[in-house]
Amino acid sequence: MPTKTNRRKAPKGPGEQESPPFKAAVEAVTEDTSPQNEVALQNGVVLNVRSVPPLLIRKAVGKVKKPIMPRADVGKGRMEDNPGDPEYNAAMDEYGQQTFDAGANVMLAAGTSLKSVPKDIDKPEDGGWLEVLEAAGFEPDLQSKTSRYLSWLSYYAITSEKDVVMVVMAVTKLSGVPESEVAAAVETFRGGEARGDDNGVPAEDS
């Protein structure tokens, strides 16, 4: 599996704001109510987009363990929930990111396929993009055709948070996922330079 990279972290406080590219992507896709059957990434890669069963997305998200809120002694042996615990808040930030990653990975792997690639961009089956990752110490998951494709998307083809949001929201529109769930998910996706550290795709026959 790939080694850890800088993750996109959920906000640590009310003062943090989404970046302009993030806002632009969310607003553009939210305002466009038409079905979107393909998405063009910033580097010219074009992906076909299709629906994904909502239950498949929820199943993936449900595998992420939610932190348990700690309890604190408030006196006279009385225990109460302590939502302000710093370690708990940090764990919830990480939980929000991991649930987004889990859902996004399903949507990227099952909800997209490659339509076209510019001449100067490697395809999933090429070796150039792998050489760069391996030289940087990464170990992408290449056990199957699907995991190779997802690794290619996650660590090479998708180069910005705007790309991620555009693809994820296009798939969710076709999949019938409630807008409230989409909004809650993308709210956790902020900052950083690279997506995720685990593509989470089970092996399959090529």
N, C-alpha and C. Protein backbone atom coordinates (compact mmCIF):
# COMPACT_ATOMS: atom_id res chain seq x y z
N MET A 1 0.85 -1.20 0.00
CA MET A 1 0.00 0.00 0.00
C MET A 1 0.88 1.25 0.00
N PRO A 2 0.38 2.38 -0.49
CA PRO A 2 1.20 3.59 -0.51
C PRO A 2 1.60 4.03 0.88
N THR A 3 2.75 4.63 1.03
CA THR A 3 3.16 5.18 2.30
C THR A 3 2.40 6.46 2.54
N LYS A 4 2.53 6.98 3.78
CA LYS A 4 1.77 8.17 4.14
C LYS A 4 2.27 9.40 3.39
N THR A 5 1.36 10.29 3.09
CA THR A 5 1.69 11.56 2.46
C THR A 5 1.07 12.65 3.29
N ASN A 6 1.28 13.91 2.92
CA ASN A 6 0.57 15.01 3.57
C ASN A 6 -0.90 14.90 3.23
N ARG A 7 -1.74 14.79 4.25
CA ARG A 7 -3.16 14.63 4.03
C ARG A 7 -3.87 15.97 4.04
N ARG A 8 -5.01 16.02 3.41
CA ARG A 8 -5.87 17.20 3.51
C ARG A 8 -6.59 17.08 4.84
N LYS A 9 -6.41 18.05 5.71
CA LYS A 9 -6.96 17.96 7.05
C LYS A 9 -8.29 18.69 7.15
N ALA A 10 -9.14 18.20 8.04
CA ALA A 10 -10.37 18.89 8.35
C ALA A 10 -10.02 20.14 9.15
N PRO A 11 -10.91 21.15 9.20
CA PRO A 11 -10.60 22.40 9.89
C PRO A 11 -10.38 22.19 11.37
N LYS A 12 -9.44 22.95 11.94
CA LYS A 12 -9.15 22.83 13.36
C LYS A 12 -9.91 23.86 14.17
N GLY A 13 -10.56 24.80 13.53
CA GLY A 13 -11.29 25.81 14.28
C GLY A 13 -12.14 26.64 13.36
N PRO A 14 -13.03 27.47 13.91
CA PRO A 14 -13.95 28.26 13.08
C PRO A 14 -13.26 29.29 12.22
N GLY A 15 -12.00 29.61 12.52
CA GLY A 15 -11.31 30.62 11.75
C GLY A 15 -10.82 30.15 10.40
N GLU A 16 -10.72 28.81 10.22
CA GLU A 16 -10.21 28.29 8.95
C GLU A 16 -11.26 28.40 7.86
N GLN A 17 -10.82 28.74 6.66
CA GLN A 17 -11.72 28.89 5.53
C GLN A 17 -11.28 28.00 4.39
N GLU A 18 -12.25 27.61 3.55
CA GLU A 18 -11.90 26.85 2.36
C GLU A 18 -11.04 27.71 1.44
N SER A 19 -10.17 27.08 0.66
CA SER A 19 -9.37 27.81 -0.30
C SER A 19 -10.25 28.24 -1.45
N PRO A 20 -9.84 29.28 -2.20
CA PRO A 20 -10.63 29.72 -3.37
C PRO A 20 -10.91 28.61 -4.37
N PRO A 21 -9.93 27.74 -4.71
CA PRO A 21 -10.24 26.66 -5.66
C PRO A 21 -11.30 25.72 -5.14
N PHE A 22 -11.26 25.44 -3.84
CA PHE A 22 -12.26 24.57 -3.23
C PHE A 22 -13.65 25.18 -3.37
N LYS A 23 -13.77 26.45 -2.99
CA LYS A 23 -15.06 27.13 -3.09
C LYS A 23 -15.56 27.18 -4.52
N ALA A 24 -14.65 27.46 -5.44
CA ALA A 24 -15.03 27.57 -6.85
C ALA A 24 -15.58 26.25 -7.37
N ALA A 25 -14.93 25.15 -6.99
CA ALA A 25 -15.38 23.85 -7.46
C ALA A 25 -16.74 23.50 -6.89
N VAL A 26 -16.91 23.70 -5.60
CA VAL A 26 -18.19 23.38 -4.96
C VAL A 26 -19.31 24.21 -5.55
N GLU A 27 -19.08 25.51 -5.70
CA GLU A 27 -20.12 26.39 -6.23
C GLU A 27 -20.46 26.04 -7.67
N ALA A 28 -19.45 25.76 -8.49
CA ALA A 28 -19.69 25.46 -9.90
C ALA A 28 -20.52 24.19 -10.05
N VAL A 29 -20.15 23.15 -9.32
CA VAL A 29 -20.87 21.89 -9.46
C VAL A 29 -22.25 21.97 -8.82
N THR A 30 -22.37 22.69 -7.72
CA THR A 30 -23.66 22.82 -7.06
C THR A 30 -24.66 23.58 -7.92
N GLU A 31 -24.19 24.62 -8.60
CA GLU A 31 -25.07 25.44 -9.42
C GLU A 31 -25.47 24.74 -10.71
N ASP A 32 -24.66 23.81 -11.18
CA ASP A 32 -24.96 23.08 -12.41
C ASP A 32 -25.84 21.88 -12.08
N THR A 33 -27.09 21.92 -12.45
CA THR A 33 -28.04 20.85 -12.11
C THR A 33 -28.14 19.79 -13.20
N SER A 34 -27.45 19.96 -14.29
CA SER A 34 -27.53 18.99 -15.37
C SER A 34 -26.68 17.76 -15.08
N PRO A 35 -27.09 16.57 -15.55
CA PRO A 35 -26.27 15.37 -15.37
C PRO A 35 -24.93 15.55 -16.05
N GLN A 36 -23.86 15.15 -15.39
CA GLN A 36 -22.51 15.33 -15.92
C GLN A 36 -21.93 13.95 -16.19
N ASN A 37 -21.68 13.63 -17.46
CA ASN A 37 -21.21 12.30 -17.82
C ASN A 37 -19.71 12.23 -18.03
N GLU A 38 -19.05 13.38 -17.97
CA GLU A 38 -17.59 13.38 -18.04
C GLU A 38 -17.05 14.61 -17.33
N VAL A 39 -15.81 14.49 -16.87
CA VAL A 39 -15.15 15.58 -16.16
C VAL A 39 -13.75 15.76 -16.72
N ALA A 40 -13.38 17.00 -17.02
CA ALA A 40 -12.03 17.30 -17.50
C ALA A 40 -11.19 17.82 -16.35
N LEU A 41 -10.08 17.13 -16.07
CA LEU A 41 -9.18 17.57 -15.02
C LEU A 41 -8.32 18.73 -15.51
N GLN A 42 -7.66 19.40 -14.60
CA GLN A 42 -6.90 20.60 -14.96
C GLN A 42 -5.74 20.31 -15.91
N ASN A 43 -5.23 19.07 -15.89
CA ASN A 43 -4.11 18.74 -16.77
C ASN A 43 -4.56 18.20 -18.12
N GLY A 44 -5.87 18.22 -18.38
CA GLY A 44 -6.39 17.78 -19.66
C GLY A 44 -6.90 16.36 -19.70
N VAL A 45 -6.67 15.58 -18.65
CA VAL A 45 -7.22 14.22 -18.58
C VAL A 45 -8.74 14.31 -18.50
N VAL A 46 -9.43 13.47 -19.29
CA VAL A 46 -10.90 13.46 -19.27
C VAL A 46 -11.38 12.11 -18.75
N LEU A 47 -12.26 12.15 -17.76
CA LEU A 47 -12.81 10.95 -17.16
C LEU A 47 -14.28 10.80 -17.49
N ASN A 48 -14.69 9.59 -17.83
CA ASN A 48 -16.11 9.28 -17.90
C ASN A 48 -16.63 9.16 -16.48
N VAL A 49 -17.84 9.61 -16.23
CA VAL A 49 -18.42 9.56 -14.90
C VAL A 49 -19.72 8.78 -14.95
N ARG A 50 -19.93 7.90 -13.99
CA ARG A 50 -21.15 7.11 -13.91
C ARG A 50 -21.60 7.01 -12.45
N SER A 51 -22.81 6.56 -12.27
CA SER A 51 -23.36 6.46 -10.92
C SER A 51 -22.73 5.30 -10.16
N VAL A 52 -22.73 5.42 -8.84
CA VAL A 52 -22.25 4.38 -7.93
C VAL A 52 -23.37 4.11 -6.93
N PRO A 53 -23.66 2.84 -6.63
CA PRO A 53 -24.71 2.55 -5.64
C PRO A 53 -24.44 3.26 -4.31
N PRO A 54 -25.37 4.07 -3.82
CA PRO A 54 -25.16 4.80 -2.56
C PRO A 54 -24.80 3.87 -1.40
N LEU A 55 -25.37 2.67 -1.38
CA LEU A 55 -25.07 1.74 -0.29
C LEU A 55 -23.59 1.32 -0.30
N LEU A 56 -23.00 1.26 -1.49
CA LEU A 56 -21.58 0.92 -1.59
C LEU A 56 -20.73 2.00 -0.96
N ILE A 57 -21.12 3.25 -1.21
CA ILE A 57 -20.40 4.39 -0.63
C ILE A 57 -20.55 4.38 0.89
N ARG A 58 -21.78 4.16 1.36
CA ARG A 58 -22.01 4.17 2.81
C ARG A 58 -21.29 3.00 3.49
N LYS A 59 -21.22 1.87 2.80
CA LYS A 59 -20.52 0.72 3.37
C LYS A 59 -19.04 1.03 3.56
N ALA A 60 -18.45 1.69 2.58
CA ALA A 60 -17.04 2.06 2.69
C ALA A 60 -16.82 3.04 3.83
N VAL A 61 -17.69 4.04 3.92
CA VAL A 61 -17.58 5.05 4.98
C VAL A 61 -17.81 4.41 6.34
N GLY A 62 -18.73 3.45 6.40
CA GLY A 62 -19.06 2.81 7.67
C GLY A 62 -17.92 1.97 8.24
N LYS A 63 -16.94 1.64 7.42
CA LYS A 63 -15.81 0.86 7.90
C LYS A 63 -14.81 1.70 8.69
N VAL A 64 -14.95 3.01 8.61
CA VAL A 64 -14.06 3.90 9.36
C VAL A 64 -14.59 4.01 10.78
N LYS A 65 -13.76 3.67 11.74
CA LYS A 65 -14.18 3.67 13.14
C LYS A 65 -14.29 5.09 13.68
N LYS A 66 -15.45 5.42 14.22
CA LYS A 66 -15.65 6.75 14.78
C LYS A 66 -15.10 6.82 16.20
N PRO A 67 -14.38 7.88 16.53
CA PRO A 67 -13.83 8.01 17.89
C PRO A 67 -14.94 8.07 18.94
N ILE A 68 -14.65 7.52 20.10
CA ILE A 68 -15.60 7.55 21.21
C ILE A 68 -15.34 8.79 22.06
N MET A 69 -16.40 9.54 22.32
CA MET A 69 -16.23 10.76 23.11
C MET A 69 -15.83 10.39 24.55
N PRO A 70 -14.76 10.99 25.06
CA PRO A 70 -14.33 10.69 26.44
C PRO A 70 -15.28 11.31 27.45
N ARG A 71 -15.22 10.80 28.65
CA ARG A 71 -16.02 11.34 29.73
C ARG A 71 -15.10 11.90 30.81
N ALA A 72 -15.57 12.90 31.53
CA ALA A 72 -14.76 13.57 32.54
C ALA A 72 -15.52 13.62 33.86
N ASP A 73 -14.79 13.52 34.94
CA ASP A 73 -15.37 13.61 36.28
C ASP A 73 -15.61 15.08 36.60
N VAL A 74 -16.87 15.46 36.74
CA VAL A 74 -17.23 16.86 37.02
C VAL A 74 -17.46 17.12 38.50
N GLY A 75 -17.12 16.13 39.30
CA GLY A 75 -17.26 16.31 40.74
C GLY A 75 -18.27 15.36 41.35
N LYS A 76 -17.97 14.94 42.57
CA LYS A 76 -18.84 14.05 43.33
C LYS A 76 -19.11 12.75 42.56
N GLY A 77 -18.10 12.31 41.82
CA GLY A 77 -18.22 11.05 41.11
C GLY A 77 -19.14 11.08 39.90
N ARG A 78 -19.58 12.27 39.51
CA ARG A 78 -20.49 12.38 38.37
C ARG A 78 -19.68 12.54 37.08
N MET A 79 -19.95 11.68 36.11
CA MET A 79 -19.24 11.69 34.83
C MET A 79 -20.12 12.28 33.74
N GLU A 80 -19.50 13.12 32.90
CA GLU A 80 -20.21 13.72 31.77
C GLU A 80 -19.34 13.65 30.52
N ASP A 81 -20.00 13.67 29.36
CA ASP A 81 -19.26 13.69 28.11
C ASP A 81 -18.38 14.94 28.06
N ASN A 82 -17.20 14.77 27.44
CA ASN A 82 -16.24 15.88 27.35
C ASN A 82 -15.89 16.14 25.88
N PRO A 83 -16.80 16.82 25.15
CA PRO A 83 -16.55 17.07 23.73
C PRO A 83 -15.39 18.03 23.46
N GLY A 84 -14.91 18.73 24.48
CA GLY A 84 -13.82 19.68 24.28
C GLY A 84 -12.45 19.06 24.45
N ASP A 85 -12.36 17.76 24.69
CA ASP A 85 -11.07 17.11 24.87
C ASP A 85 -10.22 17.26 23.62
N PRO A 86 -8.99 17.81 23.73
CA PRO A 86 -8.16 18.06 22.54
C PRO A 86 -7.86 16.81 21.72
N GLU A 87 -7.55 15.71 22.39
CA GLU A 87 -7.24 14.48 21.66
C GLU A 87 -8.47 13.96 20.91
N TYR A 88 -9.64 14.12 21.53
CA TYR A 88 -10.88 13.70 20.87
C TYR A 88 -11.16 14.56 19.65
N ASN A 89 -10.96 15.87 19.79
CA ASN A 89 -11.18 16.77 18.64
C ASN A 89 -10.23 16.45 17.50
N ALA A 90 -8.97 16.16 17.82
CA ALA A 90 -8.01 15.80 16.78
C ALA A 90 -8.42 14.50 16.11
N ALA A 91 -8.91 13.54 16.92
CA ALA A 91 -9.36 12.26 16.36
C ALA A 91 -10.57 12.44 15.47
N MET A 92 -11.47 13.37 15.83
CA MET A 92 -12.65 13.62 15.01
C MET A 92 -12.27 14.31 13.71
N ASP A 93 -11.26 15.18 13.75
CA ASP A 93 -10.76 15.80 12.52
C ASP A 93 -10.27 14.71 11.57
N GLU A 94 -9.48 13.78 12.11
CA GLU A 94 -8.94 12.70 11.30
C GLU A 94 -10.06 11.78 10.81
N TYR A 95 -11.06 11.55 11.64
CA TYR A 95 -12.20 10.72 11.26
C TYR A 95 -12.95 11.35 10.08
N GLY A 96 -13.15 12.67 10.13
CA GLY A 96 -13.82 13.35 9.03
C GLY A 96 -13.06 13.21 7.73
N GLN A 97 -11.72 13.31 7.80
CA GLN A 97 -10.91 13.16 6.60
C GLN A 97 -10.96 11.73 6.08
N GLN A 98 -10.88 10.77 7.00
CA GLN A 98 -10.87 9.37 6.58
C GLN A 98 -12.20 8.95 5.96
N THR A 99 -13.32 9.47 6.48
CA THR A 99 -14.62 9.12 5.88
C THR A 99 -14.74 9.73 4.49
N PHE A 100 -14.22 10.96 4.32
CA PHE A 100 -14.24 11.54 2.97
C PHE A 100 -13.39 10.71 2.03
N ASP A 101 -12.19 10.34 2.49
CA ASP A 101 -11.30 9.55 1.65
C ASP A 101 -11.94 8.21 1.26
N ALA A 102 -12.59 7.57 2.23
CA ALA A 102 -13.21 6.27 1.96
C ALA A 102 -14.29 6.40 0.89
N GLY A 103 -15.16 7.39 1.04
CA GLY A 103 -16.21 7.59 0.05
C GLY A 103 -15.65 8.03 -1.29
N ALA A 104 -14.66 8.92 -1.25
CA ALA A 104 -14.06 9.42 -2.49
C ALA A 104 -13.37 8.30 -3.25
N ASN A 105 -12.68 7.41 -2.53
CA ASN A 105 -12.00 6.31 -3.20
C ASN A 105 -12.98 5.40 -3.93
N VAL A 106 -14.12 5.13 -3.32
CA VAL A 106 -15.15 4.32 -3.98
C VAL A 106 -15.65 5.02 -5.23
N MET A 107 -15.91 6.32 -5.10
CA MET A 107 -16.44 7.07 -6.24
C MET A 107 -15.42 7.20 -7.37
N LEU A 108 -14.15 7.35 -7.01
CA LEU A 108 -13.11 7.43 -8.04
C LEU A 108 -12.93 6.09 -8.75
N ALA A 109 -12.92 5.01 -7.97
CA ALA A 109 -12.65 3.69 -8.54
C ALA A 109 -13.85 3.14 -9.30
N ALA A 110 -15.04 3.27 -8.71
CA ALA A 110 -16.24 2.67 -9.31
C ALA A 110 -17.06 3.64 -10.15
N GLY A 111 -16.84 4.94 -9.94
CA GLY A 111 -17.66 5.93 -10.61
C GLY A 111 -16.99 6.64 -11.76
N THR A 112 -15.74 6.27 -12.07
CA THR A 112 -15.05 6.92 -13.19
C THR A 112 -14.33 5.88 -14.04
N SER A 113 -14.04 6.27 -15.26
CA SER A 113 -13.18 5.49 -16.15
C SER A 113 -12.46 6.48 -17.05
N LEU A 114 -11.34 6.06 -17.58
CA LEU A 114 -10.52 6.97 -18.38
C LEU A 114 -11.06 7.09 -19.80
N LYS A 115 -11.27 8.34 -20.23
CA LYS A 115 -11.74 8.59 -21.59
C LYS A 115 -10.59 9.02 -22.51
N SER A 116 -9.80 9.99 -22.06
CA SER A 116 -8.70 10.45 -22.90
C SER A 116 -7.60 11.06 -22.04
N VAL A 117 -6.38 11.02 -22.58
CA VAL A 117 -5.20 11.53 -21.89
C VAL A 117 -4.37 12.35 -22.87
N PRO A 118 -3.94 13.56 -22.50
CA PRO A 118 -3.07 14.35 -23.38
C PRO A 118 -1.76 13.60 -23.65
N LYS A 119 -1.09 13.95 -24.73
CA LYS A 119 0.13 13.26 -25.13
C LYS A 119 1.24 13.34 -24.08
N ASP A 120 1.26 14.42 -23.30
CA ASP A 120 2.33 14.59 -22.33
C ASP A 120 2.01 14.02 -20.96
N ILE A 121 0.90 13.28 -20.84
CA ILE A 121 0.49 12.69 -19.57
C ILE A 121 0.53 11.17 -19.68
N ASP A 122 1.10 10.51 -18.68
CA ASP A 122 1.15 9.05 -18.67
C ASP A 122 -0.24 8.44 -18.45
N LYS A 123 -0.47 7.30 -19.04
CA LYS A 123 -1.69 6.52 -18.80
C LYS A 123 -1.43 5.59 -17.62
N PRO A 124 -2.50 5.00 -17.05
CA PRO A 124 -2.31 4.10 -15.91
C PRO A 124 -1.34 2.96 -16.20
N GLU A 125 -1.38 2.44 -17.44
CA GLU A 125 -0.53 1.29 -17.78
C GLU A 125 0.92 1.68 -18.06
N ASP A 126 1.21 2.98 -18.16
CA ASP A 126 2.57 3.42 -18.41
C ASP A 126 3.43 3.30 -17.15
N GLY A 127 4.73 3.37 -17.31
CA GLY A 127 5.62 3.21 -16.16
C GLY A 127 6.22 4.50 -15.65
N GLY A 128 6.13 5.59 -16.44
CA GLY A 128 6.77 6.83 -16.03
C GLY A 128 6.27 7.39 -14.72
N TRP A 129 4.95 7.39 -14.54
CA TRP A 129 4.39 7.96 -13.30
C TRP A 129 4.78 7.12 -12.09
N LEU A 130 4.95 5.82 -12.29
CA LEU A 130 5.35 4.94 -11.19
C LEU A 130 6.79 5.20 -10.78
N GLU A 131 7.64 5.45 -11.76
CA GLU A 131 9.05 5.70 -11.46
C GLU A 131 9.20 6.93 -10.57
N VAL A 132 8.41 7.95 -10.84
CA VAL A 132 8.48 9.17 -10.03
C VAL A 132 8.05 8.88 -8.59
N LEU A 133 6.93 8.14 -8.43
CA LEU A 133 6.45 7.82 -7.09
C LEU A 133 7.44 6.96 -6.32
N GLU A 134 7.96 5.95 -6.99
CA GLU A 134 8.90 5.04 -6.33
C GLU A 134 10.19 5.75 -5.96
N ALA A 135 10.61 6.69 -6.80
CA ALA A 135 11.81 7.47 -6.48
C ALA A 135 11.59 8.33 -5.25
N ALA A 136 10.33 8.72 -5.02
CA ALA A 136 10.00 9.55 -3.85
C ALA A 136 9.69 8.70 -2.62
N GLY A 137 9.80 7.37 -2.75
CA GLY A 137 9.59 6.50 -1.60
C GLY A 137 8.19 5.95 -1.46
N PHE A 138 7.33 6.16 -2.47
CA PHE A 138 5.96 5.65 -2.42
C PHE A 138 5.93 4.20 -2.90
N GLU A 139 4.95 3.47 -2.40
CA GLU A 139 4.72 2.10 -2.85
C GLU A 139 3.25 1.97 -3.25
N PRO A 140 2.87 2.44 -4.43
CA PRO A 140 1.46 2.39 -4.85
C PRO A 140 0.95 0.97 -4.97
N ASP A 141 -0.33 0.80 -4.70
CA ASP A 141 -0.97 -0.51 -4.78
C ASP A 141 -1.23 -0.85 -6.25
N LEU A 142 -0.58 -1.90 -6.73
CA LEU A 142 -0.71 -2.30 -8.13
C LEU A 142 -1.22 -3.75 -8.24
N GLN A 143 -1.91 -4.23 -7.21
CA GLN A 143 -2.33 -5.63 -7.17
C GLN A 143 -3.35 -5.96 -8.25
N SER A 144 -4.11 -4.99 -8.68
CA SER A 144 -5.16 -5.24 -9.66
C SER A 144 -5.27 -4.06 -10.61
N LYS A 145 -6.05 -4.25 -11.67
CA LYS A 145 -6.27 -3.18 -12.63
C LYS A 145 -6.96 -2.00 -11.95
N THR A 146 -7.92 -2.30 -11.07
CA THR A 146 -8.66 -1.23 -10.38
C THR A 146 -7.77 -0.46 -9.42
N SER A 147 -6.97 -1.18 -8.64
CA SER A 147 -6.11 -0.50 -7.67
C SER A 147 -5.02 0.32 -8.38
N ARG A 148 -4.54 -0.17 -9.51
CA ARG A 148 -3.55 0.59 -10.29
C ARG A 148 -4.19 1.88 -10.81
N TYR A 149 -5.42 1.77 -11.33
CA TYR A 149 -6.13 2.94 -11.84
C TYR A 149 -6.36 3.96 -10.74
N LEU A 150 -6.79 3.48 -9.56
CA LEU A 150 -7.04 4.40 -8.45
C LEU A 150 -5.76 5.06 -7.96
N SER A 151 -4.68 4.30 -7.90
CA SER A 151 -3.39 4.88 -7.52
C SER A 151 -2.95 5.93 -8.53
N TRP A 152 -3.15 5.64 -9.82
CA TRP A 152 -2.81 6.59 -10.88
C TRP A 152 -3.61 7.88 -10.73
N LEU A 153 -4.91 7.74 -10.46
CA LEU A 153 -5.75 8.91 -10.26
C LEU A 153 -5.31 9.71 -9.04
N SER A 154 -5.15 9.00 -7.91
CA SER A 154 -4.91 9.66 -6.63
C SER A 154 -3.56 10.34 -6.54
N TYR A 155 -2.53 9.72 -7.12
CA TYR A 155 -1.18 10.21 -6.91
C TYR A 155 -0.51 10.81 -8.13
N TYR A 156 -1.24 10.83 -9.25
CA TYR A 156 -0.63 11.37 -10.47
C TYR A 156 -1.60 12.24 -11.27
N ALA A 157 -2.73 11.69 -11.68
CA ALA A 157 -3.62 12.40 -12.60
C ALA A 157 -4.35 13.56 -11.93
N ILE A 158 -4.83 13.34 -10.72
CA ILE A 158 -5.54 14.40 -10.00
C ILE A 158 -4.52 15.26 -9.29
N THR A 159 -4.43 16.52 -9.70
CA THR A 159 -3.35 17.38 -9.22
C THR A 159 -3.81 18.52 -8.32
N SER A 160 -5.12 18.60 -8.03
CA SER A 160 -5.60 19.70 -7.20
C SER A 160 -6.86 19.30 -6.45
N GLU A 161 -7.14 20.02 -5.38
CA GLU A 161 -8.36 19.76 -4.63
C GLU A 161 -9.60 20.07 -5.48
N LYS A 162 -9.48 21.02 -6.40
CA LYS A 162 -10.61 21.34 -7.27
C LYS A 162 -10.97 20.13 -8.12
N ASP A 163 -9.97 19.43 -8.64
CA ASP A 163 -10.23 18.22 -9.42
C ASP A 163 -11.00 17.19 -8.59
N VAL A 164 -10.55 16.96 -7.36
CA VAL A 164 -11.18 15.96 -6.51
C VAL A 164 -12.65 16.30 -6.27
N VAL A 165 -12.90 17.56 -5.90
CA VAL A 165 -14.27 17.97 -5.60
C VAL A 165 -15.15 17.87 -6.84
N MET A 166 -14.63 18.27 -7.99
CA MET A 166 -15.41 18.21 -9.23
C MET A 166 -15.81 16.77 -9.55
N VAL A 167 -14.86 15.84 -9.43
CA VAL A 167 -15.15 14.45 -9.76
C VAL A 167 -16.12 13.85 -8.75
N VAL A 168 -15.84 14.04 -7.46
CA VAL A 168 -16.69 13.46 -6.42
C VAL A 168 -18.13 13.98 -6.52
N MET A 169 -18.29 15.27 -6.73
CA MET A 169 -19.64 15.83 -6.78
C MET A 169 -20.36 15.42 -8.06
N ALA A 170 -19.63 15.24 -9.15
CA ALA A 170 -20.25 14.76 -10.38
C ALA A 170 -20.79 13.35 -10.21
N VAL A 171 -20.02 12.50 -9.52
CA VAL A 171 -20.46 11.12 -9.28
C VAL A 171 -21.65 11.10 -8.33
N THR A 172 -21.61 11.92 -7.28
CA THR A 172 -22.70 11.90 -6.31
C THR A 172 -24.01 12.37 -6.94
N LYS A 173 -23.91 13.31 -7.87
CA LYS A 173 -25.14 13.76 -8.55
C LYS A 173 -25.79 12.62 -9.31
N LEU A 174 -24.98 11.85 -10.01
CA LEU A 174 -25.51 10.73 -10.79
C LEU A 174 -25.96 9.59 -9.90
N SER A 175 -25.41 9.51 -8.68
CA SER A 175 -25.69 8.39 -7.79
C SER A 175 -26.88 8.63 -6.88
N GLY A 176 -27.41 9.85 -6.88
CA GLY A 176 -28.58 10.13 -6.06
C GLY A 176 -28.27 10.29 -4.59
N VAL A 177 -27.01 10.59 -4.24
CA VAL A 177 -26.67 10.83 -2.85
C VAL A 177 -27.25 12.18 -2.43
N PRO A 178 -27.94 12.26 -1.26
CA PRO A 178 -28.53 13.53 -0.82
C PRO A 178 -27.51 14.65 -0.76
N GLU A 179 -27.92 15.85 -1.19
CA GLU A 179 -27.01 16.99 -1.20
C GLU A 179 -26.46 17.30 0.18
N SER A 180 -27.29 17.05 1.23
CA SER A 180 -26.83 17.33 2.59
C SER A 180 -25.63 16.47 2.95
N GLU A 181 -25.63 15.21 2.50
CA GLU A 181 -24.52 14.31 2.78
C GLU A 181 -23.27 14.75 2.01
N VAL A 182 -23.46 15.19 0.77
CA VAL A 182 -22.34 15.66 -0.04
C VAL A 182 -21.71 16.89 0.61
N ALA A 183 -22.56 17.84 1.02
CA ALA A 183 -22.07 19.07 1.62
C ALA A 183 -21.28 18.78 2.89
N ALA A 184 -21.79 17.85 3.71
CA ALA A 184 -21.10 17.51 4.95
C ALA A 184 -19.75 16.87 4.67
N ALA A 185 -19.69 16.07 3.60
CA ALA A 185 -18.44 15.39 3.27
C ALA A 185 -17.39 16.35 2.75
N VAL A 186 -17.77 17.19 1.78
CA VAL A 186 -16.78 18.09 1.19
C VAL A 186 -16.34 19.16 2.18
N GLU A 187 -17.15 19.41 3.21
CA GLU A 187 -16.78 20.40 4.22
C GLU A 187 -15.49 19.98 4.93
N THR A 188 -15.21 18.67 4.98
CA THR A 188 -14.02 18.20 5.68
C THR A 188 -12.78 18.24 4.80
N PHE A 189 -12.97 18.52 3.51
CA PHE A 189 -11.88 18.39 2.55
C PHE A 189 -11.23 19.74 2.31
N ARG A 190 -10.19 20.10 3.09
CA ARG A 190 -9.58 21.41 2.99
C ARG A 190 -8.07 21.32 3.10
N GLY A 191 -7.39 22.32 2.48
CA GLY A 191 -5.96 22.50 2.66
C GLY A 191 -5.11 21.34 2.18
N GLY A 192 -3.80 21.41 2.42
CA GLY A 192 -2.89 20.33 2.08
C GLY A 192 -2.49 20.34 0.62
N GLU A 193 -1.59 19.43 0.29
CA GLU A 193 -1.05 19.37 -1.06
C GLU A 193 -1.36 18.08 -1.78
N ALA A 194 -1.66 16.99 -1.05
CA ALA A 194 -1.90 15.72 -1.71
C ALA A 194 -3.04 14.98 -1.05
N ARG A 195 -3.74 14.16 -1.82
CA ARG A 195 -4.85 13.42 -1.29
C ARG A 195 -4.38 12.15 -0.60
N GLY A 196 -5.01 11.89 0.60
CA GLY A 196 -4.97 10.57 1.21
C GLY A 196 -3.64 9.87 1.33
N ASP A 197 -3.69 8.72 2.05
CA ASP A 197 -2.48 7.91 2.16
C ASP A 197 -2.78 6.43 1.94
N ASP A 198 -4.00 6.12 1.54
CA ASP A 198 -4.35 4.71 1.36
C ASP A 198 -5.50 4.65 0.39
N ASN A 199 -5.31 3.99 -0.74
CA ASN A 199 -6.40 3.97 -1.70
C ASN A 199 -7.45 2.93 -1.38
N GLY A 200 -7.19 2.02 -0.44
CA GLY A 200 -8.19 1.16 0.11
C GLY A 200 -8.92 0.29 -0.88
N VAL A 201 -8.34 -0.04 -2.02
CA VAL A 201 -9.03 -0.86 -3.01
C VAL A 201 -8.67 -2.31 -2.83
N PRO A 202 -9.64 -3.22 -2.68
CA PRO A 202 -9.32 -4.62 -2.55
C PRO A 202 -8.80 -5.17 -3.86
N ALA A 203 -7.96 -6.17 -3.78
CA ALA A 203 -7.38 -6.76 -4.98
C ALA A 203 -8.43 -7.50 -5.79
N GLU A 204 -8.26 -7.47 -7.11
CA GLU A 204 -9.15 -8.22 -7.98
C GLU A 204 -8.33 -8.75 -9.14
N ASP A 205 -8.90 -9.68 -9.88
CA ASP A 205 -8.19 -10.21 -11.03
C ASP A 205 -8.08 -9.19 -12.12
N SER A 206 -6.92 -9.08 -12.74
CA SER A 206 -6.72 -8.13 -13.84
C SER A 206 -7.44 -8.61 -15.08
